Amino acid sequence: MTPPPPSEPDGPPRPSRERWLLAGVVLAAFVALLALRVQHWGRLDQTALFYVGLPATIALFVVLTVRARTVVGVALAATTVCLTLAGPLLGEGLVCLLIAAPLIYGVVALVGWVAGLILRGGRSQHALFAVPLLFALALEGVAGVSLLPRADRGEGSVLVAADPASVAAALAAPPAYGEPEALFLRAVPFPRPVEASGEGLEAGDTRSVRFTPRRVLRPGAEPTPRHMELRVAESRVGADGGRVVFDVVEDTAFANWMDMRRAEAVWRAEGGGTRLTWTIDYERTYEPSWYFGPVQSYATDLAAGYLGAAFAAAASGEGS
């Protein structure tokens, strides 16, 4: 005789102990992120303590408390939920959070794997050597410590189908900004230039660039305008080319990600056209340097190339 199937319990199943622990981890991380956002404690959200230390702590806590077949998978799931909650809290920091997502997931997976080896004991004890290394990397940016130099520059070059005089005329006037071609600049929500005012290439001439406004996820909050003010510091214009240097006087567009210092445009006759090269000098404000350094350098290279393309279009008549 076949026994009757077990009766279904009334109501939804009770959460397991592991799920309660996971919910506790997410709640604790949410509270920590909220406090960090409100208090701005030493700008810790720009240090490796945030991008390495916090995910490492979440992963280690999950590994030590949750009993599951794949604790690394549980830790990654908890991190995903924490990142989802952190986005609205970080405001403009969401840009760096998106860029840092591969780093965060990598740290979580590494810590989960190393912790698993340590807990299993045996020959895996050599994994303990990773603990002081991870601790040292997590402290980068705290108290001004940085492994790599903060000063850097981005560079982009374009061959313009116009003579040097036309390029100089385009640089002397406000450009028309379009959508960037680089996928990275389109995918990440960086501030984008909307329009510029000011003209001239003489020392003391100014430019004012307006960017897309800052939007805050708060009821009733109005978009905040963002802009950059520049002044011509050095200038040399000749028949075969020239060079102009813009000092950044004020910047409310990128100040949360980097300290913009100056931009330089150099152009010279090349073949049947003109080679225009833009360089952007800045100081990195985010850690860890070994991760954000190359990423910011890459993004700034793309931004310099975007500037070159905008002025090249104006010089060749494509932007009119």
Protein backbone atom coordinates (compact mmCIF):
# COMPACT_ATOMS: atom_id res chain seq x y z
CA MET A 1 0.00 0.00 0.00
CA THR A 2 1.42 3.38 -1.03
CA PRO A 3 1.68 5.80 1.88
CA PRO A 4 -0.12 9.10 1.39
CA PRO A 5 2.06 12.07 0.41
CA PRO A 6 3.11 14.31 3.29
CA SER A 7 0.75 17.15 3.87
CA GLU A 8 1.93 20.64 2.94
CA PRO A 9 2.42 22.96 5.92
CA ASP A 10 0.12 25.92 6.12
CA GLY A 11 1.65 29.23 5.08
CA PRO A 12 5.06 29.98 3.60
CA PRO A 13 8.11 27.98 4.74
CA ARG A 14 10.06 29.36 7.66
CA PRO A 15 13.39 30.97 6.73
CA SER A 16 16.40 28.87 7.58
CA ARG A 17 19.11 29.96 9.98
CA GLU A 18 21.40 30.63 7.03
CA ARG A 19 18.87 32.99 5.46
CA TRP A 20 18.47 34.89 8.72
CA LEU A 21 22.25 35.28 8.95
CA LEU A 22 22.41 36.45 5.36
CA ALA A 23 19.68 39.00 6.05
CA GLY A 24 21.64 40.18 9.08
CA VAL A 25 24.77 40.64 6.99
CA VAL A 26 22.89 42.69 4.40
CA LEU A 27 21.19 44.81 7.07
CA ALA A 28 24.48 45.51 8.86
CA ALA A 29 26.17 46.48 5.60
CA PHE A 30 23.23 48.74 4.70
CA VAL A 31 23.44 50.53 8.06
CA ALA A 32 27.21 50.95 7.67
CA LEU A 33 26.83 52.39 4.17
CA LEU A 34 24.08 54.74 5.34
CA ALA A 35 26.25 56.01 8.20
CA LEU A 36 29.19 56.46 5.83
CA ARG A 37 27.03 58.42 3.41
CA VAL A 38 25.56 60.70 6.09
CA GLN A 39 28.67 61.34 8.17
CA HIS A 40 31.36 61.39 5.41
CA TRP A 41 33.85 59.94 7.89
CA GLY A 42 37.24 60.96 6.50
CA ARG A 43 36.01 60.32 2.94
CA LEU A 44 36.42 56.59 3.59
CA ASP A 45 34.18 55.89 0.60
CA GLN A 46 37.18 56.85 -1.59
CA THR A 47 39.67 54.51 0.12
CA ALA A 48 40.57 50.87 -0.30
CA LEU A 49 38.98 50.28 3.11
CA PHE A 50 35.62 50.65 1.40
CA TYR A 51 36.32 48.81 -1.87
CA VAL A 52 38.50 46.04 -0.39
CA GLY A 53 37.94 45.97 3.36
CA LEU A 54 34.13 46.04 3.35
CA PRO A 55 33.60 43.24 0.81
CA ALA A 56 36.32 41.20 2.53
CA THR A 57 34.51 41.59 5.86
CA ILE A 58 31.18 40.56 4.32
CA ALA A 59 32.73 37.52 2.69
CA LEU A 60 34.56 36.45 5.86
CA PHE A 61 31.44 36.84 8.01
CA VAL A 62 29.37 34.77 5.61
CA VAL A 63 32.03 32.05 5.40
CA LEU A 64 32.28 31.77 9.18
CA THR A 65 28.56 31.79 9.94
CA VAL A 66 26.60 30.35 7.02
CA ARG A 67 26.55 26.60 6.55
CA ALA A 68 26.14 25.97 2.85
CA ARG A 69 27.64 23.87 0.11
CA THR A 70 29.11 26.91 -1.62
CA VAL A 71 29.83 29.65 0.89
CA VAL A 72 31.53 31.68 -1.83
CA GLY A 73 28.26 31.68 -3.78
CA VAL A 74 26.37 32.85 -0.70
CA ALA A 75 28.93 35.60 -0.11
CA LEU A 76 28.62 36.77 -3.73
CA ALA A 77 24.84 36.79 -3.39
CA ALA A 78 25.06 38.86 -0.21
CA THR A 79 27.47 41.26 -1.93
CA THR A 80 25.10 41.66 -4.87
CA VAL A 81 22.27 42.66 -2.56
CA CYS A 82 24.56 45.07 -0.68
CA LEU A 83 25.68 46.71 -3.93
CA THR A 84 22.07 47.10 -5.01
CA LEU A 85 21.23 48.83 -1.74
CA ALA A 86 24.38 50.93 -1.77
CA GLY A 87 23.73 52.58 -5.13
CA PRO A 88 21.11 55.14 -4.00
CA LEU A 89 23.07 55.84 -0.80
CA LEU A 90 26.33 56.70 -2.53
CA GLY A 91 24.89 59.27 -4.92
CA GLU A 92 27.62 60.18 -7.39
CA GLY A 93 29.72 57.44 -5.83
CA LEU A 94 27.54 55.07 -7.83
CA VAL A 95 29.87 55.69 -10.78
CA CYS A 96 32.88 54.38 -8.86
CA LEU A 97 30.76 51.57 -7.42
CA LEU A 98 29.93 50.39 -10.93
CA ILE A 99 33.56 50.66 -11.98
CA ALA A 100 34.70 48.86 -8.83
CA ALA A 101 32.18 46.00 -9.12
CA PRO A 102 34.74 43.57 -10.65
CA LEU A 103 37.18 44.42 -7.84
CA ILE A 104 34.55 43.90 -5.15
CA TYR A 105 33.39 40.56 -6.52
CA GLY A 106 36.99 39.46 -6.92
CA VAL A 107 37.81 40.31 -3.30
CA VAL A 108 34.72 38.47 -2.06
CA ALA A 109 35.53 35.36 -4.08
CA LEU A 110 39.20 35.43 -3.01
CA VAL A 111 38.43 35.89 0.68
CA GLY A 112 35.79 33.16 0.59
CA TRP A 113 38.19 30.76 -1.09
CA VAL A 114 41.13 31.56 1.24
CA ALA A 115 38.95 31.37 4.34
CA GLY A 116 37.63 28.01 3.19
CA LEU A 117 41.18 26.71 2.81
CA ILE A 118 42.15 27.94 6.26
CA LEU A 119 39.11 26.41 7.93
CA ARG A 120 39.84 23.04 6.31
CA GLY A 121 43.34 23.12 7.81
CA GLY A 122 46.14 20.79 6.72
CA ARG A 123 48.55 22.03 4.07
CA SER A 124 46.24 24.87 3.23
CA GLN A 125 47.61 26.83 6.21
CA HIS A 126 49.93 28.63 3.81
CA ALA A 127 46.83 30.57 2.75
CA LEU A 128 47.28 32.55 5.97
CA PHE A 129 49.96 34.55 4.18
CA ALA A 130 47.18 36.18 2.18
CA VAL A 131 45.67 37.72 5.32
CA PRO A 132 48.35 40.40 6.05
CA LEU A 133 48.60 41.18 2.34
CA LEU A 134 44.86 41.76 2.06
CA PHE A 135 44.93 43.81 5.26
CA ALA A 136 47.69 46.05 3.89
CA LEU A 137 45.87 46.54 0.58
CA ALA A 138 42.66 47.45 2.42
CA LEU A 139 44.38 50.29 4.29
CA GLU A 140 45.49 52.12 1.12
CA GLY A 141 44.08 55.63 1.08
CA VAL A 142 43.61 55.78 4.86
CA ALA A 143 45.76 58.59 6.36
CA GLY A 144 46.88 59.57 2.84
CA VAL A 145 48.78 56.35 2.06
CA SER A 146 48.95 55.42 -1.64
CA LEU A 147 51.06 52.77 -3.36
CA LEU A 148 51.16 54.54 -6.73
CA PRO A 149 51.58 58.26 -7.53
CA ARG A 150 48.29 60.14 -7.59
CA ALA A 151 49.31 62.58 -10.32
CA ASP A 152 48.49 61.28 -13.79
CA ARG A 153 47.38 62.42 -17.21
CA GLY A 154 45.17 61.27 -20.04
CA GLU A 155 45.97 61.79 -23.69
CA GLY A 156 44.03 61.52 -26.94
CA SER A 157 45.04 62.38 -30.50
CA VAL A 158 43.14 62.77 -33.74
CA LEU A 159 44.12 63.64 -37.32
CA VAL A 160 41.89 66.50 -38.44
CA ALA A 161 40.96 66.96 -42.08
CA ALA A 162 41.65 70.69 -41.90
CA ASP A 163 44.60 73.10 -41.86
CA PRO A 164 46.15 74.40 -38.60
CA ALA A 165 44.38 77.75 -38.92
CA SER A 166 40.98 76.03 -38.98
CA VAL A 167 41.92 73.96 -35.93
CA ALA A 168 43.01 77.12 -34.08
CA ALA A 169 39.72 78.80 -34.98
CA ALA A 170 37.78 75.79 -33.66
CA LEU A 171 39.76 75.83 -30.39
CA ALA A 172 39.05 79.55 -30.01
CA ALA A 173 35.29 78.98 -30.13
CA PRO A 174 32.93 76.86 -27.98
CA PRO A 175 32.50 73.37 -29.50
CA ALA A 176 29.29 71.44 -30.08
CA TYR A 177 29.32 68.39 -27.82
CA GLY A 178 27.85 65.12 -29.06
CA GLU A 179 27.54 61.59 -27.73
CA PRO A 180 30.90 59.92 -27.03
CA GLU A 181 31.83 57.04 -29.30
CA ALA A 182 33.65 55.07 -26.60
CA LEU A 183 31.42 52.38 -25.09
CA PHE A 184 32.95 52.89 -21.64
CA LEU A 185 31.97 56.57 -21.57
CA ARG A 186 28.46 55.76 -22.75
CA ALA A 187 27.92 52.86 -20.34
CA VAL A 188 29.14 54.55 -17.14
CA PRO A 189 27.03 57.54 -15.99
CA PHE A 190 29.79 60.15 -16.03
CA PRO A 191 28.82 63.84 -16.25
CA ARG A 192 28.64 64.80 -19.92
CA PRO A 193 29.30 68.26 -21.35
CA VAL A 194 26.20 69.97 -22.67
CA GLU A 195 27.39 73.38 -23.85
CA ALA A 196 30.29 75.80 -23.43
CA SER A 197 30.67 79.55 -23.46
CA GLY A 198 33.69 81.84 -23.84
CA GLU A 199 36.14 82.26 -26.68
CA GLY A 200 39.69 83.25 -27.56
CA LEU A 201 43.14 81.70 -27.18
CA GLU A 202 44.91 84.62 -25.49
CA ALA A 203 46.24 84.23 -21.96
CA GLY A 204 43.44 85.12 -19.55
CA ASP A 205 40.60 84.09 -21.87
CA THR A 206 38.06 81.89 -20.11
CA ARG A 207 35.74 78.99 -20.83
CA SER A 208 32.68 77.84 -18.92
CA VAL A 209 31.41 74.32 -19.63
CA ARG A 210 28.01 73.17 -18.40
CA PHE A 211 27.49 69.45 -17.72
CA THR A 212 24.49 67.24 -17.19
CA PRO A 213 23.02 68.03 -13.74
CA ARG A 214 23.51 65.92 -10.65
CA ARG A 215 20.35 64.05 -9.66
CA VAL A 216 19.72 62.88 -6.11
CA LEU A 217 17.35 60.05 -5.19
CA ARG A 218 15.48 62.09 -2.58
CA PRO A 219 11.83 63.13 -2.67
CA GLY A 220 11.49 66.72 -3.85
CA ALA A 221 15.20 67.12 -4.62
CA GLU A 222 15.98 69.36 -7.58
CA PRO A 223 18.80 68.54 -10.04
CA THR A 224 22.01 70.36 -9.12
CA PRO A 225 23.85 72.16 -11.95
CA ARG A 226 27.44 71.10 -12.65
CA HIS A 227 30.07 73.13 -14.46
CA MET A 228 33.78 73.63 -15.06
CA GLU A 229 35.56 76.98 -15.33
CA LEU A 230 38.85 77.18 -17.27
CA ARG A 231 41.32 79.96 -17.99
CA VAL A 232 43.98 80.13 -20.70
CA ALA A 233 47.36 80.06 -18.92
CA GLU A 234 49.72 79.65 -21.88
CA SER A 235 49.21 80.15 -25.59
CA ARG A 236 51.23 79.96 -28.78
CA VAL A 237 49.53 80.07 -32.18
CA GLY A 238 51.48 79.85 -35.42
CA ALA A 239 50.91 79.14 -39.10
CA ASP A 240 52.00 75.50 -38.77
CA GLY A 241 50.38 74.76 -35.39
CA GLY A 242 50.27 75.84 -31.80
CA ARG A 243 49.74 75.04 -28.14
CA VAL A 244 47.26 76.28 -25.58
CA VAL A 245 47.05 75.39 -21.88
CA PHE A 246 43.83 75.74 -19.87
CA ASP A 247 44.02 75.86 -16.06
CA VAL A 248 40.99 74.42 -14.27
CA VAL A 249 39.77 77.25 -12.04
CA GLU A 250 36.64 75.58 -10.69
CA ASP A 251 35.17 72.11 -11.15
CA THR A 252 31.87 70.84 -9.75
CA ALA A 253 31.49 68.10 -12.37
CA PHE A 254 34.33 65.68 -11.60
CA ALA A 255 35.51 66.83 -8.16
CA ASN A 256 34.11 63.70 -6.52
CA TRP A 257 36.23 61.40 -8.68
CA MET A 258 39.44 63.27 -9.44
CA ASP A 259 41.18 66.59 -8.94
CA MET A 260 41.30 68.15 -12.40
CA ARG A 261 44.33 70.44 -12.84
CA ARG A 262 44.74 71.51 -16.46
CA ALA A 263 44.06 70.63 -20.07
CA GLU A 264 46.43 71.17 -22.96
CA ALA A 265 45.79 71.22 -26.71
CA VAL A 266 48.69 70.89 -29.18
CA TRP A 267 48.21 70.92 -32.94
CA ARG A 268 50.60 70.77 -35.87
CA ALA A 269 50.41 70.25 -39.61
CA GLU A 270 50.71 66.60 -40.60
CA GLY A 271 50.33 65.31 -44.14
CA GLY A 272 47.28 66.89 -45.69
CA GLY A 273 45.68 67.72 -42.33
CA THR A 274 46.48 68.64 -38.74
CA ARG A 275 47.33 66.42 -35.77
CA LEU A 276 45.42 67.59 -32.68
CA THR A 277 46.41 66.16 -29.30
CA TRP A 278 44.63 66.81 -26.00
CA THR A 279 46.14 65.99 -22.62
CA ILE A 280 44.35 66.21 -19.26
CA ASP A 281 46.35 66.51 -16.03
CA TYR A 282 44.66 65.34 -12.84
CA GLU A 283 45.21 63.76 -9.45
CA ARG A 284 43.51 60.50 -8.54
CA THR A 285 41.41 60.65 -5.37
CA TYR A 286 40.27 57.02 -5.16
CA GLU A 287 42.06 53.97 -3.78
CA PRO A 288 43.27 51.27 -4.21
CA SER A 289 45.70 52.82 -6.65
CA TRP A 290 46.53 49.53 -8.39
CA TYR A 291 42.88 49.27 -9.49
CA PHE A 292 41.52 52.81 -9.82
CA GLY A 293 44.80 54.16 -11.21
CA PRO A 294 44.64 52.24 -14.51
CA VAL A 295 40.84 52.63 -14.72
CA GLN A 296 40.93 56.42 -14.28
CA SER A 297 43.87 56.69 -16.68
CA TYR A 298 41.91 54.74 -19.29
CA ALA A 299 38.79 56.86 -18.76
CA THR A 300 40.78 60.09 -19.01
CA ASP A 301 42.44 58.91 -22.22
CA LEU A 302 38.97 58.36 -23.65
CA ALA A 303 37.85 61.80 -22.44
CA ALA A 304 40.85 63.45 -24.11
CA GLY A 305 40.04 61.58 -27.31
CA TYR A 306 36.43 62.74 -27.02
CA LEU A 307 37.60 66.37 -26.78
CA GLY A 308 39.83 65.89 -29.82
CA ALA A 309 36.93 64.48 -31.83
CA ALA A 310 34.62 67.35 -30.81
CA PHE A 311 37.06 70.06 -31.93
CA ALA A 312 38.07 68.09 -35.01
CA ALA A 313 34.42 68.02 -36.09
CA ALA A 314 34.19 71.79 -35.62
CA ALA A 315 37.41 72.43 -37.54
CA SER A 316 36.43 70.28 -40.50
CA GLY A 317 32.89 71.64 -40.61
CA GLU A 318 31.23 68.39 -39.55
CA GLY A 319 29.81 69.89 -36.37
CA SER A 320 28.05 72.78 -38.11
